[in-house]
Amino acid sequence: MAAINLNLEQFNEMAAGTKPVLVDFWAPWCGHCRRLAPAYEQIADKYGEELVVAKVNVDEVPQLAKDAKVTSIPTLVLYKEGKMVDSVVGPGSKAAIEQFIQGALAK
């Protein structure tokens, strides 16, 4: 399952759902974001059953990035029951993303 690109309405709907939502705040001009994309897609394939794996383009939906207090990209944010649980800026690998997910889900 590929990561879902979210707009504001879709984000609000997903965040209010029962599954945790992992959001990658990114932009197409961001080199680090592009390098992280393949690992993030692998995360979507692996964790797609237990959480929603999504992406938000900060240029297209700046309000979501502002609400999440995203000041640097890529930033991953995990939401549970509509509330931000934890975030990480610039994870460098699939293993780093997995470690973040496990830690955030435990909160």
PDB file of N, CA and C in Angstrom:
ATOM      1  N   MET A   1       0.846  -1.178   0.000  1.00  0.00           N
ATOM      2  CA  MET A   1       0.000   0.000   0.000  1.00  0.00           C
ATOM      3  C   MET A   1       0.891   1.240   0.000  1.00  0.00           C
ATOM      4  N   ALA A   2       0.669   2.121  -0.947  1.00  0.00           N
ATOM      5  CA  ALA A   2       1.474   3.333  -1.058  1.00  0.00           C
ATOM      6  C   ALA A   2       1.004   4.387  -0.065  1.00  0.00           C
ATOM      7  N   ALA A   3       1.907   5.297   0.256  1.00  0.00           N
ATOM      8  CA  ALA A   3       1.543   6.420   1.119  1.00  0.00           C
ATOM      9  C   ALA A   3       0.487   7.265   0.418  1.00  0.00           C
ATOM     10  N   ILE A   4      -0.448   7.775   1.183  1.00  0.00           N
ATOM     11  CA  ILE A   4      -1.560   8.561   0.665  1.00  0.00           C
ATOM     12  C   ILE A   4      -1.194  10.041   0.724  1.00  0.00           C
ATOM     13  N   ASN A   5      -1.398  10.761  -0.374  1.00  0.00           N
ATOM     14  CA  ASN A   5      -1.206  12.212  -0.374  1.00  0.00           C
ATOM     15  C   ASN A   5      -2.481  12.854   0.154  1.00  0.00           C
ATOM     16  N   LEU A   6      -2.344  13.645   1.217  1.00  0.00           N
ATOM     17  CA  LEU A   6      -3.516  14.213   1.883  1.00  0.00           C
ATOM     18  C   LEU A   6      -3.674  15.708   1.635  1.00  0.00           C
ATOM     19  N   ASN A   7      -4.950  16.111   1.480  1.00  0.00           N
ATOM     20  CA  ASN A   7      -5.279  17.527   1.540  1.00  0.00           C
ATOM     21  C   ASN A   7      -5.866  17.781   2.928  1.00  0.00           C
ATOM     22  N   LEU A   8      -6.294  18.987   3.213  1.00  0.00           N
ATOM     23  CA  LEU A   8      -6.781  19.337   4.545  1.00  0.00           C
ATOM     24  C   LEU A   8      -7.998  18.509   4.948  1.00  0.00           C
ATOM     25  N   GLU A   9      -8.956  18.385   4.054  1.00  0.00           N
ATOM     26  CA  GLU A   9     -10.174  17.624   4.361  1.00  0.00           C
ATOM     27  C   GLU A   9      -9.858  16.149   4.633  1.00  0.00           C
ATOM     28  N   GLN A  10      -9.035  15.548   3.790  1.00  0.00           N
ATOM     29  CA  GLN A  10      -8.659  14.137   3.977  1.00  0.00           C
ATOM     30  C   GLN A  10      -7.895  13.952   5.280  1.00  0.00           C
ATOM     31  N   PHE A  11      -7.005  14.886   5.586  1.00  0.00           N
ATOM     32  CA  PHE A  11      -6.244  14.797   6.832  1.00  0.00           C
ATOM     33  C   PHE A  11      -7.190  14.787   8.024  1.00  0.00           C
ATOM     34  N   ASN A  12      -8.122  15.725   8.052  1.00  0.00           N
ATOM     35  CA  ASN A  12      -9.068  15.806   9.174  1.00  0.00           C
ATOM     36  C   ASN A  12      -9.869  14.520   9.315  1.00  0.00           C
ATOM     37  N   GLU A  13     -10.261  13.942   8.205  1.00  0.00           N
ATOM     38  CA  GLU A  13     -11.017  12.685   8.226  1.00  0.00           C
ATOM     39  C   GLU A  13     -10.160  11.537   8.751  1.00  0.00           C
ATOM     40  N   MET A  14      -8.937  11.423   8.264  1.00  0.00           N
ATOM     41  CA  MET A  14      -8.036  10.342   8.687  1.00  0.00           C
ATOM     42  C   MET A  14      -7.654  10.495  10.160  1.00  0.00           C
ATOM     43  N   ALA A  15      -7.338  11.713  10.571  1.00  0.00           N
ATOM     44  CA  ALA A  15      -6.893  11.956  11.946  1.00  0.00           C
ATOM     45  C   ALA A  15      -7.993  11.626  12.955  1.00  0.00           C
ATOM     46  N   ALA A  16      -9.244  11.788  12.548  1.00  0.00           N
ATOM     47  CA  ALA A  16     -10.366  11.502  13.448  1.00  0.00           C
ATOM     48  C   ALA A  16     -10.702  10.012  13.491  1.00  0.00           C
ATOM     49  N   GLY A  17     -10.054   9.206  12.652  1.00  0.00           N
ATOM     50  CA  GLY A  17     -10.334   7.771  12.588  1.00  0.00           C
ATOM     51  C   GLY A  17      -9.726   6.996  13.745  1.00  0.00           C
ATOM     52  N   THR A  18      -9.903   5.694  13.691  1.00  0.00           N
ATOM     53  CA  THR A  18      -9.429   4.834  14.772  1.00  0.00           C
ATOM     54  C   THR A  18      -7.963   4.426  14.625  1.00  0.00           C
ATOM     55  N   LYS A  19      -7.436   4.450  13.409  1.00  0.00           N
ATOM     56  CA  LYS A  19      -6.036   4.077  13.183  1.00  0.00           C
ATOM     57  C   LYS A  19      -5.121   5.264  13.437  1.00  0.00           C
ATOM     58  N   PRO A  20      -3.935   5.021  14.014  1.00  0.00           N
ATOM     59  CA  PRO A  20      -2.938   6.096  14.085  1.00  0.00           C
ATOM     60  C   PRO A  20      -2.568   6.539  12.666  1.00  0.00           C
ATOM     61  N   VAL A  21      -2.150   7.786  12.524  1.00  0.00           N
ATOM     62  CA  VAL A  21      -1.795   8.342  11.220  1.00  0.00           C
ATOM     63  C   VAL A  21      -0.357   8.851  11.280  1.00  0.00           C
ATOM     64  N   LEU A  22       0.495   8.322  10.401  1.00  0.00           N
ATOM     65  CA  LEU A  22       1.871   8.785  10.262  1.00  0.00           C
ATOM     66  C   LEU A  22       1.910   9.707   9.055  1.00  0.00           C
ATOM     67  N   VAL A  23       2.342  10.948   9.260  1.00  0.00           N
ATOM     68  CA  VAL A  23       2.365  11.930   8.182  1.00  0.00           C
ATOM     69  C   VAL A  23       3.794  12.396   7.928  1.00  0.00           C
ATOM     70  N   ASP A  24       4.177  12.344   6.660  1.00  0.00           N
ATOM     71  CA  ASP A  24       5.453  12.885   6.207  1.00  0.00           C
ATOM     72  C   ASP A  24       5.179  14.260   5.613  1.00  0.00           C
ATOM     73  N   PHE A  25       5.657  15.319   6.278  1.00  0.00           N
ATOM     74  CA  PHE A  25       5.559  16.665   5.742  1.00  0.00           C
ATOM     75  C   PHE A  25       6.782  16.869   4.853  1.00  0.00           C
ATOM     76  N   TRP A  26       6.543  17.148   3.569  1.00  0.00           N
ATOM     77  CA  TRP A  26       7.610  17.171   2.581  1.00  0.00           C
ATOM     78  C   TRP A  26       7.316  18.217   1.509  1.00  0.00           C
ATOM     79  N   ALA A  27       8.253  18.386   0.585  1.00  0.00           N
ATOM     80  CA  ALA A  27       8.056  19.234  -0.594  1.00  0.00           C
ATOM     81  C   ALA A  27       8.873  18.646  -1.739  1.00  0.00           C
ATOM     82  N   PRO A  28       8.390  18.785  -2.969  1.00  0.00           N
ATOM     83  CA  PRO A  28       9.098  18.197  -4.113  1.00  0.00           C
ATOM     84  C   PRO A  28      10.484  18.792  -4.358  1.00  0.00           C
ATOM     85  N   TRP A  29      10.734  20.018  -3.911  1.00  0.00           N
ATOM     86  CA  TRP A  29      12.032  20.658  -4.113  1.00  0.00           C
ATOM     87  C   TRP A  29      13.056  20.267  -3.050  1.00  0.00           C
ATOM     88  N   CYS A  30      12.642  19.518  -2.035  1.00  0.00           N
ATOM     89  CA  CYS A  30      13.501  19.133  -0.911  1.00  0.00           C
ATOM     90  C   CYS A  30      14.288  17.862  -1.249  1.00  0.00           C
ATOM     91  N   GLY A  31      15.594  17.999  -1.369  1.00  0.00           N
ATOM     92  CA  GLY A  31      16.437  16.858  -1.722  1.00  0.00           C
ATOM     93  C   GLY A  31      16.376  15.736  -0.691  1.00  0.00           C
ATOM     94  N   HIS A  32      16.430  16.082   0.587  1.00  0.00           N
ATOM     95  CA  HIS A  32      16.368  15.063   1.637  1.00  0.00           C
ATOM     96  C   HIS A  32      15.018  14.339   1.590  1.00  0.00           C
ATOM     97  N   CYS A  33      13.959  15.080   1.301  1.00  0.00           N
ATOM     98  CA  CYS A  33      12.624  14.467   1.190  1.00  0.00           C
ATOM     99  C   CYS A  33      12.609  13.433   0.061  1.00  0.00           C
ATOM    100  N   ARG A  34      13.202  13.782  -1.064  1.00  0.00           N
ATOM    101  CA  ARG A  34      13.227  12.855  -2.210  1.00  0.00           C
ATOM    102  C   ARG A  34      14.063  11.618  -1.888  1.00  0.00           C
ATOM    103  N   ARG A  35      15.174  11.789  -1.161  1.00  0.00           N
ATOM    104  CA  ARG A  35      16.004  10.635  -0.791  1.00  0.00           C
ATOM    105  C   ARG A  35      15.282   9.723   0.198  1.00  0.00           C
ATOM    106  N   LEU A  36      14.457  10.305   1.060  1.00  0.00           N
ATOM    107  CA  LEU A  36      13.733   9.530   2.068  1.00  0.00           C
ATOM    108  C   LEU A  36      12.509   8.812   1.481  1.00  0.00           C
ATOM    109  N   ALA A  37      11.997   9.278   0.356  1.00  0.00           N
ATOM    110  CA  ALA A  37      10.746   8.773  -0.214  1.00  0.00           C
ATOM    111  C   ALA A  37      10.715   7.246  -0.408  1.00  0.00           C
ATOM    112  N   PRO A  38      11.752   6.605  -0.964  1.00  0.00           N
ATOM    113  CA  PRO A  38      11.687   5.146  -1.127  1.00  0.00           C
ATOM    114  C   PRO A  38      11.555   4.401   0.207  1.00  0.00           C
ATOM    115  N   ALA A  39      12.274   4.845   1.227  1.00  0.00           N
ATOM    116  CA  ALA A  39      12.171   4.210   2.554  1.00  0.00           C
ATOM    117  C   ALA A  39      10.775   4.426   3.123  1.00  0.00           C
ATOM    118  N   TYR A  40      10.216   5.612   2.913  1.00  0.00           N
ATOM    119  CA  TYR A  40       8.872   5.909   3.433  1.00  0.00           C
ATOM    120  C   TYR A  40       7.826   5.038   2.745  1.00  0.00           C
ATOM    121  N   GLU A  41       7.999   4.795   1.452  1.00  0.00           N
ATOM    122  CA  GLU A  41       7.074   3.908   0.728  1.00  0.00           C
ATOM    123  C   GLU A  41       7.179   2.474   1.258  1.00  0.00           C
ATOM    124  N   GLN A  42       8.376   2.029   1.624  1.00  0.00           N
ATOM    125  CA  GLN A  42       8.539   0.706   2.228  1.00  0.00           C
ATOM    126  C   GLN A  42       7.820   0.645   3.575  1.00  0.00           C
ATOM    127  N   ILE A  43       7.864   1.738   4.322  1.00  0.00           N
ATOM    128  CA  ILE A  43       7.147   1.813   5.599  1.00  0.00           C
ATOM    129  C   ILE A  43       5.647   1.687   5.339  1.00  0.00           C
ATOM    130  N   ALA A  44       5.157   2.359   4.297  1.00  0.00           N
ATOM    131  CA  ALA A  44       3.732   2.282   3.946  1.00  0.00           C
ATOM    132  C   ALA A  44       3.334   0.846   3.643  1.00  0.00           C
ATOM    133  N   ASP A  45       4.184   0.129   2.912  1.00  0.00           N
ATOM    134  CA  ASP A  45       3.900  -1.283   2.598  1.00  0.00           C
ATOM    135  C   ASP A  45       3.892  -2.138   3.862  1.00  0.00           C
ATOM    136  N   LYS A  46       4.841  -1.915   4.739  1.00  0.00           N
ATOM    137  CA  LYS A  46       4.994  -2.749   5.924  1.00  0.00           C
ATOM    138  C   LYS A  46       3.949  -2.458   7.006  1.00  0.00           C
ATOM    139  N   TYR A  47       3.625  -1.172   7.222  1.00  0.00           N
ATOM    140  CA  TYR A  47       2.766  -0.787   8.342  1.00  0.00           C
ATOM    141  C   TYR A  47       1.346  -0.392   7.917  1.00  0.00           C
ATOM    142  N   GLY A  48       1.022  -0.561   6.634  1.00  0.00           N
ATOM    143  CA  GLY A  48      -0.263  -0.122   6.109  1.00  0.00           C
ATOM    144  C   GLY A  48      -1.482  -0.725   6.788  1.00  0.00           C
ATOM    145  N   GLU A  49      -1.332  -1.878   7.412  1.00  0.00           N
ATOM    146  CA  GLU A  49      -2.466  -2.509   8.087  1.00  0.00           C
ATOM    147  C   GLU A  49      -2.729  -1.903   9.471  1.00  0.00           C
ATOM    148  N   GLU A  50      -1.669  -1.462  10.144  1.00  0.00           N
ATOM    149  CA  GLU A  50      -1.844  -0.982  11.516  1.00  0.00           C
ATOM    150  C   GLU A  50      -1.915   0.530  11.657  1.00  0.00           C
ATOM    151  N   LEU A  51      -1.493   1.263  10.622  1.00  0.00           N
ATOM    152  CA  LEU A  51      -1.630   2.708  10.669  1.00  0.00           C
ATOM    153  C   LEU A  51      -1.767   3.286   9.271  1.00  0.00           C
ATOM    154  N   VAL A  52      -2.299   4.492   9.195  1.00  0.00           N
ATOM    155  CA  VAL A  52      -2.406   5.198   7.921  1.00  0.00           C
ATOM    156  C   VAL A  52      -1.063   5.879   7.677  1.00  0.00           C
ATOM    157  N   VAL A  53      -0.468   5.615   6.531  1.00  0.00           N
ATOM    158  CA  VAL A  53       0.810   6.221   6.176  1.00  0.00           C
ATOM    159  C   VAL A  53       0.516   7.250   5.087  1.00  0.00           C
ATOM    160  N   ALA A  54       0.774   8.518   5.398  1.00  0.00           N
ATOM    161  CA  ALA A  54       0.362   9.598   4.512  1.00  0.00           C
ATOM    162  C   ALA A  54       1.473  10.614   4.313  1.00  0.00           C
ATOM    163  N   LYS A  55       1.265  11.449   3.291  1.00  0.00           N
ATOM    164  CA  LYS A  55       2.204  12.524   2.988  1.00  0.00           C
ATOM    165  C   LYS A  55       1.421  13.811   2.824  1.00  0.00           C
ATOM    166  N   VAL A  56       2.035  14.911   3.248  1.00  0.00           N
ATOM    167  CA  VAL A  56       1.447  16.231   3.051  1.00  0.00           C
ATOM    168  C   VAL A  56       2.516  17.126   2.419  1.00  0.00           C
ATOM    169  N   ASN A  57       2.214  17.634   1.236  1.00  0.00           N
ATOM    170  CA  ASN A  57       3.100  18.570   0.560  1.00  0.00           C
ATOM    171  C   ASN A  57       2.905  19.937   1.223  1.00  0.00           C
ATOM    172  N   VAL A  58       3.953  20.441   1.874  1.00  0.00           N
ATOM    173  CA  VAL A  58       3.837  21.685   2.644  1.00  0.00           C
ATOM    174  C   VAL A  58       3.554  22.889   1.750  1.00  0.00           C
ATOM    175  N   ASP A  59       3.874  22.808   0.471  1.00  0.00           N
ATOM    176  CA  ASP A  59       3.573  23.907  -0.448  1.00  0.00           C
ATOM    177  C   ASP A  59       2.092  23.928  -0.818  1.00  0.00           C
ATOM    178  N   GLU A  60       1.464  22.753  -0.857  1.00  0.00           N
ATOM    179  CA  GLU A  60       0.058  22.659  -1.239  1.00  0.00           C
ATOM    180  C   GLU A  60      -0.882  22.818  -0.048  1.00  0.00           C
ATOM    181  N   VAL A  61      -0.453  22.397   1.146  1.00  0.00           N
ATOM    182  CA  VAL A  61      -1.294  22.470   2.343  1.00  0.00           C
ATOM    183  C   VAL A  61      -0.478  23.087   3.488  1.00  0.00           C
ATOM    184  N   PRO A  62      -0.108  24.356   3.355  1.00  0.00           N
ATOM    185  CA  PRO A  62       0.743  24.978   4.379  1.00  0.00           C
ATOM    186  C   PRO A  62       0.074  25.061   5.754  1.00  0.00           C
ATOM    187  N   GLN A  63      -1.246  25.111   5.804  1.00  0.00           N
ATOM    188  CA  GLN A  63      -1.934  25.221   7.092  1.00  0.00           C
ATOM    189  C   GLN A  63      -1.671  23.993   7.969  1.00  0.00           C
ATOM    190  N   LEU A  64      -1.644  22.812   7.366  1.00  0.00           N
ATOM    191  CA  LEU A  64      -1.359  21.601   8.146  1.00  0.00           C
ATOM    192  C   LEU A  64       0.046  21.642   8.722  1.00  0.00           C
ATOM    193  N   ALA A  65       1.006  22.073   7.932  1.00  0.00           N
ATOM    194  CA  ALA A  65       2.381  22.173   8.421  1.00  0.00           C
ATOM    195  C   ALA A  65       2.469  23.194   9.551  1.00  0.00           C
ATOM    196  N   LYS A  66       1.774  24.296   9.401  1.00  0.00           N
ATOM    197  CA  LYS A  66       1.766  25.323  10.449  1.00  0.00           C
ATOM    198  C   LYS A  66       1.140  24.774  11.728  1.00  0.00           C
ATOM    199  N   ASP A  67      -0.001  24.089  11.597  1.00  0.00           N
ATOM    200  CA  ASP A  67      -0.679  23.522  12.767  1.00  0.00           C
ATOM    201  C   ASP A  67       0.201  22.504  13.496  1.00  0.00           C
ATOM    202  N   ALA A  68       1.015  21.753  12.731  1.00  0.00           N
ATOM    203  CA  ALA A  68       1.894  20.746  13.320  1.00  0.00           C
ATOM    204  C   ALA A  68       3.226  21.351  13.776  1.00  0.00           C
ATOM    205  N   LYS A  69       3.366  22.663  13.606  1.00  0.00           N
ATOM    206  CA  LYS A  69       4.589  23.379  13.981  1.00  0.00           C
ATOM    207  C   LYS A  69       5.820  22.838  13.247  1.00  0.00           C
ATOM    208  N   VAL A  70       5.619  22.485  11.975  1.00  0.00           N
ATOM    209  CA  VAL A  70       6.708  21.995  11.137  1.00  0.00           C
ATOM    210  C   VAL A  70       7.524  23.187  10.659  1.00  0.00           C
ATOM    211  N   THR A  71       8.801  23.206  11.021  1.00  0.00           N
ATOM    212  CA  THR A  71       9.687  24.294  10.611  1.00  0.00           C
ATOM    213  C   THR A  71      10.806  23.810   9.698  1.00  0.00           C
ATOM    214  N   SER A  72      10.946  22.505   9.581  1.00  0.00           N
ATOM    215  CA  SER A  72      11.979  21.915   8.745  1.00  0.00           C
ATOM    216  C   SER A  72      11.415  20.645   8.123  1.00  0.00           C
ATOM    217  N   ILE A  73      11.816  20.371   6.889  1.00  0.00           N
ATOM    218  CA  ILE A  73      11.327  19.145   6.244  1.00  0.00           C
ATOM    219  C   ILE A  73      12.502  18.310   5.783  1.00  0.00           C
ATOM    220  N   PRO A  74      12.317  17.004   5.725  1.00  0.00           N
ATOM    221  CA  PRO A  74      11.104  16.257   6.048  1.00  0.00           C
ATOM    222  C   PRO A  74      10.901  16.147   7.566  1.00  0.00           C
ATOM    223  N   THR A  75       9.661  16.232   7.975  1.00  0.00           N
ATOM    224  CA  THR A  75       9.270  15.993   9.357  1.00  0.00           C
ATOM    225  C   THR A  75       8.178  14.946   9.355  1.00  0.00           C
ATOM    226  N   LEU A  76       8.339  13.922  10.183  1.00  0.00           N
ATOM    227  CA  LEU A  76       7.303  12.904  10.346  1.00  0.00           C
ATOM    228  C   LEU A  76       6.573  13.171  11.648  1.00  0.00           C
ATOM    229  N   VAL A  77       5.247  13.085  11.594  1.00  0.00           N
ATOM    230  CA  VAL A  77       4.420  13.303  12.776  1.00  0.00           C
ATOM    231  C   VAL A  77       3.459  12.128  12.897  1.00  0.00           C
ATOM    232  N   LEU A  78       3.336  11.593  14.108  1.00  0.00           N
ATOM    233  CA  LEU A  78       2.380  10.517  14.362  1.00  0.00           C
ATOM    234  C   LEU A  78       1.208  11.082  15.157  1.00  0.00           C
ATOM    235  N   TYR A  79       0.002  10.838  14.645  1.00  0.00           N
ATOM    236  CA  TYR A  79      -1.231  11.273  15.290  1.00  0.00           C
ATOM    237  C   TYR A  79      -1.999  10.042  15.763  1.00  0.00           C
ATOM    238  N   LYS A  80      -2.567  10.147  16.956  1.00  0.00           N
ATOM    239  CA  LYS A  80      -3.468   9.113  17.480  1.00  0.00           C
ATOM    240  C   LYS A  80      -4.719   9.821  17.966  1.00  0.00           C
ATOM    241  N   GLU A  81      -5.864   9.323  17.529  1.00  0.00           N
ATOM    242  CA  GLU A  81      -7.154   9.895  17.929  1.00  0.00           C
ATOM    243  C   GLU A  81      -7.194  11.405  17.713  1.00  0.00           C
ATOM    244  N   GLY A  82      -6.635  11.841  16.583  1.00  0.00           N
ATOM    245  CA  GLY A  82      -6.674  13.247  16.210  1.00  0.00           C
ATOM    246  C   GLY A  82      -5.669  14.137  16.894  1.00  0.00           C
ATOM    247  N   LYS A  83      -4.839  13.594  17.766  1.00  0.00           N
ATOM    248  CA  LYS A  83      -3.863  14.399  18.498  1.00  0.00           C
ATOM    249  C   LYS A  83      -2.436  14.014  18.097  1.00  0.00           C
ATOM    250  N   MET A  84      -1.589  15.029  17.999  1.00  0.00           N
ATOM    251  CA  MET A  84      -0.184  14.786  17.683  1.00  0.00           C
ATOM    252  C   MET A  84       0.478  14.105  18.868  1.00  0.00           C
ATOM    253  N   VAL A  85       1.107  12.943  18.623  1.00  0.00           N
ATOM    254  CA  VAL A  85       1.759  12.179  19.686  1.00  0.00           C
ATOM    255  C   VAL A  85       3.246  12.497  19.749  1.00  0.00           C
ATOM    256  N   ASP A  86       3.893  12.508  18.575  1.00  0.00           N
ATOM    257  CA  ASP A  86       5.339  12.717  18.534  1.00  0.00           C
ATOM    258  C   ASP A  86       5.738  13.118  17.121  1.00  0.00           C
ATOM    259  N   SER A  87       6.945  13.658  16.984  1.00  0.00           N
ATOM    260  CA  SER A  87       7.463  14.005  15.664  1.00  0.00           C
ATOM    261  C   SER A  87       8.965  13.800  15.630  1.00  0.00           C
ATOM    262  N   VAL A  88       9.480  13.680  14.415  1.00  0.00           N
ATOM    263  CA  VAL A  88      10.919  13.556  14.208  1.00  0.00           C
ATOM    264  C   VAL A  88      11.268  14.324  12.931  1.00  0.00           C
ATOM    265  N   VAL A  89      12.374  15.050  12.977  1.00  0.00           N
ATOM    266  CA  VAL A  89      12.817  15.827  11.826  1.00  0.00           C
ATOM    267  C   VAL A  89      13.953  15.078  11.140  1.00  0.00           C
ATOM    268  N   GLY A  90      13.810  14.899   9.832  1.00  0.00           N
ATOM    269  CA  GLY A  90      14.880  14.359   9.011  1.00  0.00           C
ATOM    270  C   GLY A  90      15.393  12.978   9.363  1.00  0.00           C
ATOM    271  N   PRO A  91      14.510  11.985   9.553  1.00  0.00           N
ATOM    272  CA  PRO A  91      15.035  10.641   9.799  1.00  0.00           C
ATOM    273  C   PRO A  91      15.872  10.209   8.601  1.00  0.00           C
ATOM    274  N   GLY A  92      16.971   9.547   8.868  1.00  0.00           N
ATOM    275  CA  GLY A  92      17.909   9.242   7.796  1.00  0.00           C
ATOM    276  C   GLY A  92      17.737   7.905   7.112  1.00  0.00           C
ATOM    277  N   SER A  93      16.857   7.049   7.636  1.00  0.00           N
ATOM    278  CA  SER A  93      16.748   5.713   7.071  1.00  0.00           C
ATOM    279  C   SER A  93      15.412   5.073   7.428  1.00  0.00           C
ATOM    280  N   LYS A  94      15.139   3.954   6.784  1.00  0.00           N
ATOM    281  CA  LYS A  94      13.941   3.179   7.107  1.00  0.00           C
ATOM    282  C   LYS A  94      13.994   2.734   8.566  1.00  0.00           C
ATOM    283  N   ALA A  95      15.165   2.312   9.031  1.00  0.00           N
ATOM    284  CA  ALA A  95      15.316   1.869  10.425  1.00  0.00           C
ATOM    285  C   ALA A  95      15.001   3.007  11.395  1.00  0.00           C
ATOM    286  N   ALA A  96      15.423   4.224  11.063  1.00  0.00           N
ATOM    287  CA  ALA A  96      15.142   5.376  11.928  1.00  0.00           C
ATOM    288  C   ALA A  96      13.640   5.661  11.964  1.00  0.00           C
ATOM    289  N   ILE A  97      12.967   5.509  10.832  1.00  0.00           N
ATOM    290  CA  ILE A  97      11.513   5.716  10.791  1.00  0.00           C
ATOM    291  C   ILE A  97      10.819   4.654  11.629  1.00  0.00           C
ATOM    292  N   GLU A  98      11.253   3.398  11.500  1.00  0.00           N
ATOM    293  CA  GLU A  98      10.651   2.325  12.278  1.00  0.00           C
ATOM    294  C   GLU A  98      10.845   2.538  13.776  1.00  0.00           C
ATOM    295  N   GLN A  99      12.017   2.985  14.161  1.00  0.00           N
ATOM    296  CA  GLN A  99      12.285   3.253  15.573  1.00  0.00           C
ATOM    297  C   GLN A  99      11.374   4.373  16.073  1.00  0.00           C
ATOM    298  N   PHE A 100      11.193   5.409  15.261  1.00  0.00           N
ATOM    299  CA  PHE A 100      10.285   6.502  15.628  1.00  0.00           C
ATOM    300  C   PHE A 100       8.863   5.986  15.792  1.00  0.00           C
ATOM    301  N   ILE A 101       8.388   5.165  14.847  1.00  0.00           N
ATOM    302  CA  ILE A 101       7.017   4.633  14.900  1.00  0.00           C
ATOM    303  C   ILE A 101       6.816   3.835  16.186  1.00  0.00           C
ATOM    304  N   GLN A 102       7.730   2.933  16.474  1.00  0.00           N
ATOM    305  CA  GLN A 102       7.586   2.088  17.660  1.00  0.00           C
ATOM    306  C   GLN A 102       7.557   2.924  18.937  1.00  0.00           C
ATOM    307  N   GLY A 103       8.416   3.904  19.032  1.00  0.00           N
ATOM    308  CA  GLY A 103       8.455   4.771  20.204  1.00  0.00           C
ATOM    309  C   GLY A 103       7.189   5.603  20.329  1.00  0.00           C
ATOM    310  N   ALA A 104       6.719   6.151  19.222  1.00  0.00           N
ATOM    311  CA  ALA A 104       5.528   7.001  19.253  1.00  0.00           C
ATOM    312  C   ALA A 104       4.271   6.195  19.545  1.00  0.00           C
ATOM    313  N   LEU A 105       4.173   4.987  18.992  1.00  0.00           N
ATOM    314  CA  LEU A 105       2.987   4.163  19.247  1.00  0.00           C
ATOM    315  C   LEU A 105       2.930   3.711  20.706  1.00  0.00           C
ATOM    316  N   ALA A 106       4.088   3.622  21.359  1.00  0.00           N
ATOM    317  CA  ALA A 106       4.144   3.194  22.757  1.00  0.00           C
ATOM    318  C   ALA A 106       3.679   4.298  23.706  1.00  0.00           C
ATOM    319  N   LYS A 107       3.579   5.531  23.221  1.00  0.00           N
ATOM    320  CA  LYS A 107       3.187   6.654  24.093  1.00  0.00           C
ATOM    321  C   LYS A 107       1.689   6.663  24.326  1.00  0.00           C
TER     322      LYS A 107
END
